[in-house]
Amino acid sequence: MGEPKLRWYILRVQGGKEKKVQEYIQNEVRRAGKEEDIPQVLIPTEKVYQVKNGKRVLVEKICYSQYVFVQCRLSGESPDKLSLSGEIQHLLCDIPFVAGFLTSNPRSKDTKKEPYPVPDAEINQILGKVDEMIDTEEEAAPSFVVGEPVKVIDGPFNGFNGNVLEILEDKKKLKVEVKIFGRPTTMELNFVQVIKE
């Protein structure tokens, strides 16, 4: 018989502590020498833009809050009775901020709830999204055209209308001409500070 199969499981963790749990698990796995039994610990994230202090910033957002995905090697007497070993369950459940595994039926009256392996199709979809986010680091910037009318929606000139004079792609900014007291004035604005008219 070949080596036992690797499967993905989901740990329920305290909200906001996902990265800390990932770090604790990786350190504990190294300390216990279980790198072959627990090769990966994953927190699926996506990159999104947010406006902070009038600037558009790329931040990482956790896709599944309060969950950490762990790849573990199964063990058992026979291929049809493969499950997580008690040692691996104990190691993972003793990590601070971990509430336990996602089980096959959380409402069951059975006190011995077995960790539920994530179906291959679902984990492949999740892993595909993670790979896709790595490949597309930056989302496409809004397309502006020189001469196009825009409206300022953020900053001290909020509500003013103007026209695009120049597009500064590398800085993610526009040079916009607005009329202040009847006089044309040029200003540099971030892409997120204006919308198309």
C-alpha atoms as a PDB file:
ATOM      1  CA  MET A   1       0.000   0.000   0.000  1.00  0.00           C
ATOM      2  CA  GLY A   2       1.271   3.492  -0.839  1.00  0.00           C
ATOM      3  CA  GLU A   3       1.756   6.411   1.468  1.00  0.00           C
ATOM      4  CA  PRO A   4      -1.419   7.740   3.174  1.00  0.00           C
ATOM      5  CA  LYS A   5      -3.154  10.513   1.248  1.00  0.00           C
ATOM      6  CA  LEU A   6      -2.962  14.209   2.127  1.00  0.00           C
ATOM      7  CA  ARG A   7      -6.358  15.849   2.762  1.00  0.00           C
ATOM      8  CA  TRP A   8      -7.448  19.367   3.682  1.00  0.00           C
ATOM      9  CA  TYR A   9      -9.305  20.129   6.917  1.00  0.00           C
ATOM     10  CA  ILE A  10     -10.693  23.346   8.349  1.00  0.00           C
ATOM     11  CA  LEU A  11      -9.894  24.615  11.825  1.00  0.00           C
ATOM     12  CA  ARG A  12     -12.336  27.002  13.532  1.00  0.00           C
ATOM     13  CA  VAL A  13     -10.377  29.844  15.133  1.00  0.00           C
ATOM     14  CA  GLN A  14     -11.041  33.038  17.043  1.00  0.00           C
ATOM     15  CA  GLY A  15     -11.891  35.959  14.728  1.00  0.00           C
ATOM     16  CA  GLY A  16      -8.969  38.233  13.917  1.00  0.00           C
ATOM     17  CA  LYS A  17      -6.405  35.628  15.047  1.00  0.00           C
ATOM     18  CA  GLU A  18      -6.152  33.657  11.787  1.00  0.00           C
ATOM     19  CA  LYS A  19      -2.595  34.795  10.935  1.00  0.00           C
ATOM     20  CA  LYS A  20      -1.433  34.239  14.520  1.00  0.00           C
ATOM     21  CA  VAL A  21      -2.868  30.687  14.479  1.00  0.00           C
ATOM     22  CA  GLN A  22      -1.133  30.015  11.141  1.00  0.00           C
ATOM     23  CA  GLU A  23       2.169  31.159  12.640  1.00  0.00           C
ATOM     24  CA  TYR A  24       1.662  29.063  15.816  1.00  0.00           C
ATOM     25  CA  ILE A  25       0.820  25.936  13.779  1.00  0.00           C
ATOM     26  CA  GLN A  26       3.859  26.336  11.511  1.00  0.00           C
ATOM     27  CA  ASN A  27       6.151  26.774  14.540  1.00  0.00           C
ATOM     28  CA  GLU A  28       4.608  23.784  16.380  1.00  0.00           C
ATOM     29  CA  VAL A  29       4.841  21.556  13.272  1.00  0.00           C
ATOM     30  CA  ARG A  30       8.549  22.428  12.922  1.00  0.00           C
ATOM     31  CA  ARG A  31       9.167  21.857  16.643  1.00  0.00           C
ATOM     32  CA  ALA A  32       7.415  18.452  16.563  1.00  0.00           C
ATOM     33  CA  GLY A  33       9.075  17.425  13.269  1.00  0.00           C
ATOM     34  CA  LYS A  34       5.699  16.850  11.575  1.00  0.00           C
ATOM     35  CA  GLU A  35       6.428  18.709   8.312  1.00  0.00           C
ATOM     36  CA  GLU A  36       5.558  15.573   6.295  1.00  0.00           C
ATOM     37  CA  ASP A  37       2.239  15.061   8.122  1.00  0.00           C
ATOM     38  CA  ILE A  38       1.166  18.739   8.014  1.00  0.00           C
ATOM     39  CA  PRO A  39       2.864  20.265   4.930  1.00  0.00           C
ATOM     40  CA  GLN A  40       0.619  23.336   4.430  1.00  0.00           C
ATOM     41  CA  VAL A  41      -1.355  25.833   6.510  1.00  0.00           C
ATOM     42  CA  LEU A  42      -3.407  28.248   4.430  1.00  0.00           C
ATOM     43  CA  ILE A  43      -5.499  31.373   5.000  1.00  0.00           C
ATOM     44  CA  PRO A  44      -7.171  32.256   1.686  1.00  0.00           C
ATOM     45  CA  THR A  45      -6.989  36.010   1.115  1.00  0.00           C
ATOM     46  CA  GLU A  46      -7.846  38.458  -1.631  1.00  0.00           C
ATOM     47  CA  LYS A  47      -6.304  41.812  -2.452  1.00  0.00           C
ATOM     48  CA  VAL A  48      -8.730  44.753  -2.474  1.00  0.00           C
ATOM     49  CA  TYR A  49      -8.328  48.491  -2.780  1.00  0.00           C
ATOM     50  CA  GLN A  50      -9.488  50.745   0.054  1.00  0.00           C
ATOM     51  CA  VAL A  51      -9.348  54.519   0.409  1.00  0.00           C
ATOM     52  CA  LYS A  52      -7.357  55.556   3.484  1.00  0.00           C
ATOM     53  CA  ASN A  53      -6.578  59.214   4.152  1.00  0.00           C
ATOM     54  CA  GLY A  54      -7.667  60.080   0.603  1.00  0.00           C
ATOM     55  CA  LYS A  55      -5.267  57.546  -0.938  1.00  0.00           C
ATOM     56  CA  ARG A  56      -6.109  54.251  -2.589  1.00  0.00           C
ATOM     57  CA  VAL A  57      -4.258  51.453  -0.819  1.00  0.00           C
ATOM     58  CA  LEU A  58      -4.024  47.759  -1.692  1.00  0.00           C
ATOM     59  CA  VAL A  59      -4.893  45.644   1.372  1.00  0.00           C
ATOM     60  CA  GLU A  60      -5.180  41.919   1.956  1.00  0.00           C
ATOM     61  CA  LYS A  61      -8.621  40.739   3.121  1.00  0.00           C
ATOM     62  CA  ILE A  62      -9.266  37.264   4.561  1.00  0.00           C
ATOM     63  CA  CYS A  63     -11.835  35.378   2.451  1.00  0.00           C
ATOM     64  CA  TYR A  64     -13.041  32.991   5.168  1.00  0.00           C
ATOM     65  CA  SER A  65     -12.988  34.761   8.522  1.00  0.00           C
ATOM     66  CA  GLN A  66     -12.483  32.504  11.564  1.00  0.00           C
ATOM     67  CA  TYR A  67     -11.200  29.555   9.490  1.00  0.00           C
ATOM     68  CA  VAL A  68      -7.709  28.206   8.803  1.00  0.00           C
ATOM     69  CA  PHE A  69      -7.168  25.474   6.195  1.00  0.00           C
ATOM     70  CA  VAL A  70      -4.692  22.728   7.142  1.00  0.00           C
ATOM     71  CA  GLN A  71      -3.367  19.976   4.880  1.00  0.00           C
ATOM     72  CA  CYS A  72      -2.797  16.769   6.872  1.00  0.00           C
ATOM     73  CA  ARG A  73      -1.689  13.228   6.132  1.00  0.00           C
ATOM     74  CA  LEU A  74      -4.359  10.653   6.965  1.00  0.00           C
ATOM     75  CA  SER A  75      -3.719   7.493   8.926  1.00  0.00           C
ATOM     76  CA  GLY A  76      -5.719   4.313   9.620  1.00  0.00           C
ATOM     77  CA  GLU A  77      -5.715   0.542   9.556  1.00  0.00           C
ATOM     78  CA  SER A  78      -7.215   0.258   6.075  1.00  0.00           C
ATOM     79  CA  PRO A  79      -7.880   2.565   3.080  1.00  0.00           C
ATOM     80  CA  ASP A  80     -11.613   2.685   3.857  1.00  0.00           C
ATOM     81  CA  LYS A  81     -10.976   3.688   7.492  1.00  0.00           C
ATOM     82  CA  LEU A  82      -8.527   6.516   6.918  1.00  0.00           C
ATOM     83  CA  SER A  83      -8.821   9.429   9.331  1.00  0.00           C
ATOM     84  CA  LEU A  84      -6.718  12.021  11.095  1.00  0.00           C
ATOM     85  CA  SER A  85      -4.446  10.531  13.726  1.00  0.00           C
ATOM     86  CA  GLY A  86      -5.164  11.453  17.329  1.00  0.00           C
ATOM     87  CA  GLU A  87      -1.664  12.907  17.625  1.00  0.00           C
ATOM     88  CA  ILE A  88      -2.221  15.385  14.764  1.00  0.00           C
ATOM     89  CA  GLN A  89      -5.684  16.327  16.060  1.00  0.00           C
ATOM     90  CA  HIS A  90      -4.262  16.900  19.520  1.00  0.00           C
ATOM     91  CA  LEU A  91      -1.342  18.961  18.182  1.00  0.00           C
ATOM     92  CA  LEU A  92      -3.656  21.243  16.148  1.00  0.00           C
ATOM     93  CA  CYS A  93      -6.442  21.598  18.737  1.00  0.00           C
ATOM     94  CA  ASP A  94      -3.949  22.603  21.460  1.00  0.00           C
ATOM     95  CA  ILE A  95      -2.838  25.686  19.489  1.00  0.00           C
ATOM     96  CA  PRO A  96      -3.974  28.938  21.149  1.00  0.00           C
ATOM     97  CA  PHE A  97      -7.157  30.513  19.644  1.00  0.00           C
ATOM     98  CA  VAL A  98      -8.199  27.200  17.971  1.00  0.00           C
ATOM     99  CA  ALA A  99     -11.775  26.095  18.785  1.00  0.00           C
ATOM    100  CA  GLY A 100     -11.517  22.754  16.947  1.00  0.00           C
ATOM    101  CA  PHE A 101     -12.100  21.164  13.562  1.00  0.00           C
ATOM    102  CA  LEU A 102     -15.073  21.620  11.304  1.00  0.00           C
ATOM    103  CA  THR A 103     -16.921  18.312  11.679  1.00  0.00           C
ATOM    104  CA  SER A 104     -19.156  16.350   9.336  1.00  0.00           C
ATOM    105  CA  ASN A 105     -22.277  17.056  11.384  1.00  0.00           C
ATOM    106  CA  PRO A 106     -21.903  19.764  14.040  1.00  0.00           C
ATOM    107  CA  ARG A 107     -25.526  19.232  15.275  1.00  0.00           C
ATOM    108  CA  SER A 108     -25.027  15.535  15.886  1.00  0.00           C
ATOM    109  CA  LYS A 109     -25.559  14.261  19.462  1.00  0.00           C
ATOM    110  CA  ASP A 110     -22.568  11.974  18.956  1.00  0.00           C
ATOM    111  CA  THR A 111     -19.773  13.109  21.274  1.00  0.00           C
ATOM    112  CA  LYS A 112     -17.055  11.719  18.986  1.00  0.00           C
ATOM    113  CA  LYS A 113     -17.301  14.125  16.072  1.00  0.00           C
ATOM    114  CA  GLU A 114     -14.763  13.369  13.362  1.00  0.00           C
ATOM    115  CA  PRO A 115     -12.988  16.195  11.498  1.00  0.00           C
ATOM    116  CA  TYR A 116     -14.550  16.614   8.075  1.00  0.00           C
ATOM    117  CA  PRO A 117     -12.145  16.613   5.101  1.00  0.00           C
ATOM    118  CA  VAL A 118     -12.864  19.320   2.516  1.00  0.00           C
ATOM    119  CA  PRO A 119     -13.979  17.705  -0.768  1.00  0.00           C
ATOM    120  CA  ASP A 120     -11.260  17.853  -3.443  1.00  0.00           C
ATOM    121  CA  ALA A 121     -13.442  19.887  -5.834  1.00  0.00           C
ATOM    122  CA  GLU A 122     -14.010  22.598  -3.203  1.00  0.00           C
ATOM    123  CA  ILE A 123     -10.383  22.825  -2.119  1.00  0.00           C
ATOM    124  CA  ASN A 124      -9.247  22.968  -5.760  1.00  0.00           C
ATOM    125  CA  GLN A 125     -11.624  25.892  -6.295  1.00  0.00           C
ATOM    126  CA  ILE A 126     -10.253  27.683  -3.206  1.00  0.00           C
ATOM    127  CA  LEU A 127      -6.630  26.976  -4.175  1.00  0.00           C
ATOM    128  CA  GLY A 128      -7.385  28.175  -7.717  1.00  0.00           C
ATOM    129  CA  LYS A 129      -8.638  31.497  -6.327  1.00  0.00           C
ATOM    130  CA  VAL A 130      -5.489  31.843  -4.211  1.00  0.00           C
ATOM    131  CA  ASP A 131      -3.262  31.200  -7.258  1.00  0.00           C
ATOM    132  CA  GLU A 132      -5.350  33.643  -9.311  1.00  0.00           C
ATOM    133  CA  MET A 133      -4.888  36.358  -6.653  1.00  0.00           C
ATOM    134  CA  ILE A 134      -1.113  35.800  -6.735  1.00  0.00           C
ATOM    135  CA  ASP A 135      -1.108  36.078 -10.539  1.00  0.00           C
ATOM    136  CA  THR A 136      -3.223  39.256 -10.636  1.00  0.00           C
ATOM    137  CA  GLU A 137      -1.460  41.361  -8.010  1.00  0.00           C
ATOM    138  CA  GLU A 138      -2.952  44.592  -9.308  1.00  0.00           C
ATOM    139  CA  GLU A 139      -6.487  45.095 -10.498  1.00  0.00           C
ATOM    140  CA  ALA A 140      -6.998  47.098 -13.668  1.00  0.00           C
ATOM    141  CA  ALA A 141      -7.120  50.843 -13.048  1.00  0.00           C
ATOM    142  CA  PRO A 142     -10.205  52.734 -14.193  1.00  0.00           C
ATOM    143  CA  SER A 143      -9.731  53.854 -17.782  1.00  0.00           C
ATOM    144  CA  PHE A 144      -9.780  57.601 -18.213  1.00  0.00           C
ATOM    145  CA  VAL A 145      -9.394  59.530 -21.467  1.00  0.00           C
ATOM    146  CA  VAL A 146      -7.714  62.926 -21.892  1.00  0.00           C
ATOM    147  CA  GLY A 147     -10.396  65.613 -22.281  1.00  0.00           C
ATOM    148  CA  GLU A 148     -13.046  63.488 -20.540  1.00  0.00           C
ATOM    149  CA  PRO A 149     -15.300  65.289 -18.001  1.00  0.00           C
ATOM    150  CA  VAL A 150     -14.930  64.067 -14.393  1.00  0.00           C
ATOM    151  CA  LYS A 151     -16.341  64.971 -10.986  1.00  0.00           C
ATOM    152  CA  VAL A 152     -14.181  65.222  -7.835  1.00  0.00           C
ATOM    153  CA  ILE A 153     -15.653  63.021  -5.075  1.00  0.00           C
ATOM    154  CA  ASP A 154     -12.961  63.244  -2.364  1.00  0.00           C
ATOM    155  CA  GLY A 155     -10.752  65.907  -0.845  1.00  0.00           C
ATOM    156  CA  PRO A 156     -11.081  69.684  -0.468  1.00  0.00           C
ATOM    157  CA  PHE A 157     -12.495  70.114  -4.004  1.00  0.00           C
ATOM    158  CA  ASN A 158     -15.264  67.537  -3.477  1.00  0.00           C
ATOM    159  CA  GLY A 159     -18.189  68.300  -5.811  1.00  0.00           C
ATOM    160  CA  PHE A 160     -16.176  70.271  -8.399  1.00  0.00           C
ATOM    161  CA  ASN A 161     -16.362  69.266 -12.082  1.00  0.00           C
ATOM    162  CA  GLY A 162     -13.418  69.339 -14.469  1.00  0.00           C
ATOM    163  CA  ASN A 163     -11.687  67.761 -17.449  1.00  0.00           C
ATOM    164  CA  VAL A 164      -8.796  65.293 -17.581  1.00  0.00           C
ATOM    165  CA  LEU A 165      -5.617  66.983 -18.878  1.00  0.00           C
ATOM    166  CA  GLU A 166      -3.114  64.172 -18.358  1.00  0.00           C
ATOM    167  CA  ILE A 167      -3.084  60.571 -17.098  1.00  0.00           C
ATOM    168  CA  LEU A 168      -0.154  59.620 -14.825  1.00  0.00           C
ATOM    169  CA  GLU A 169      -0.445  55.803 -14.927  1.00  0.00           C
ATOM    170  CA  ASP A 170       2.719  55.114 -12.896  1.00  0.00           C
ATOM    171  CA  LYS A 171       1.449  57.272 -10.001  1.00  0.00           C
ATOM    172  CA  LYS A 172      -2.210  56.216 -10.439  1.00  0.00           C
ATOM    173  CA  LYS A 173      -3.109  59.903 -10.685  1.00  0.00           C
ATOM    174  CA  LEU A 174      -4.760  62.337 -13.077  1.00  0.00           C
ATOM    175  CA  LYS A 175      -4.080  65.982 -13.841  1.00  0.00           C
ATOM    176  CA  VAL A 176      -7.510  67.583 -13.834  1.00  0.00           C
ATOM    177  CA  GLU A 177      -8.480  71.149 -14.725  1.00  0.00           C
ATOM    178  CA  VAL A 178     -11.318  72.556 -12.614  1.00  0.00           C
ATOM    179  CA  LYS A 179     -12.782  76.064 -12.500  1.00  0.00           C
ATOM    180  CA  ILE A 180     -12.375  77.763  -9.156  1.00  0.00           C
ATOM    181  CA  PHE A 181     -13.948  81.244  -8.955  1.00  0.00           C
ATOM    182  CA  GLY A 182     -14.257  81.199 -12.733  1.00  0.00           C
ATOM    183  CA  ARG A 183     -10.529  80.544 -13.282  1.00  0.00           C
ATOM    184  CA  PRO A 184      -9.143  77.257 -14.658  1.00  0.00           C
ATOM    185  CA  THR A 185      -6.930  75.537 -12.064  1.00  0.00           C
ATOM    186  CA  THR A 186      -4.880  72.365 -12.590  1.00  0.00           C
ATOM    187  CA  MET A 187      -4.601  69.794  -9.800  1.00  0.00           C
ATOM    188  CA  GLU A 188      -3.252  66.282  -9.396  1.00  0.00           C
ATOM    189  CA  LEU A 189      -5.796  63.772  -8.052  1.00  0.00           C
ATOM    190  CA  ASN A 190      -5.733  60.011  -7.343  1.00  0.00           C
ATOM    191  CA  PHE A 191      -7.862  57.774  -9.571  1.00  0.00           C
ATOM    192  CA  VAL A 192     -10.184  57.057  -6.622  1.00  0.00           C
ATOM    193  CA  GLN A 193     -10.813  60.769  -5.984  1.00  0.00           C
ATOM    194  CA  VAL A 194     -12.739  61.261  -9.234  1.00  0.00           C
ATOM    195  CA  ILE A 195     -15.566  59.604 -11.148  1.00  0.00           C
ATOM    196  CA  LYS A 196     -16.537  59.866 -14.794  1.00  0.00           C
ATOM    197  CA  GLU A 197     -19.346  62.335 -15.520  1.00  0.00           C
END
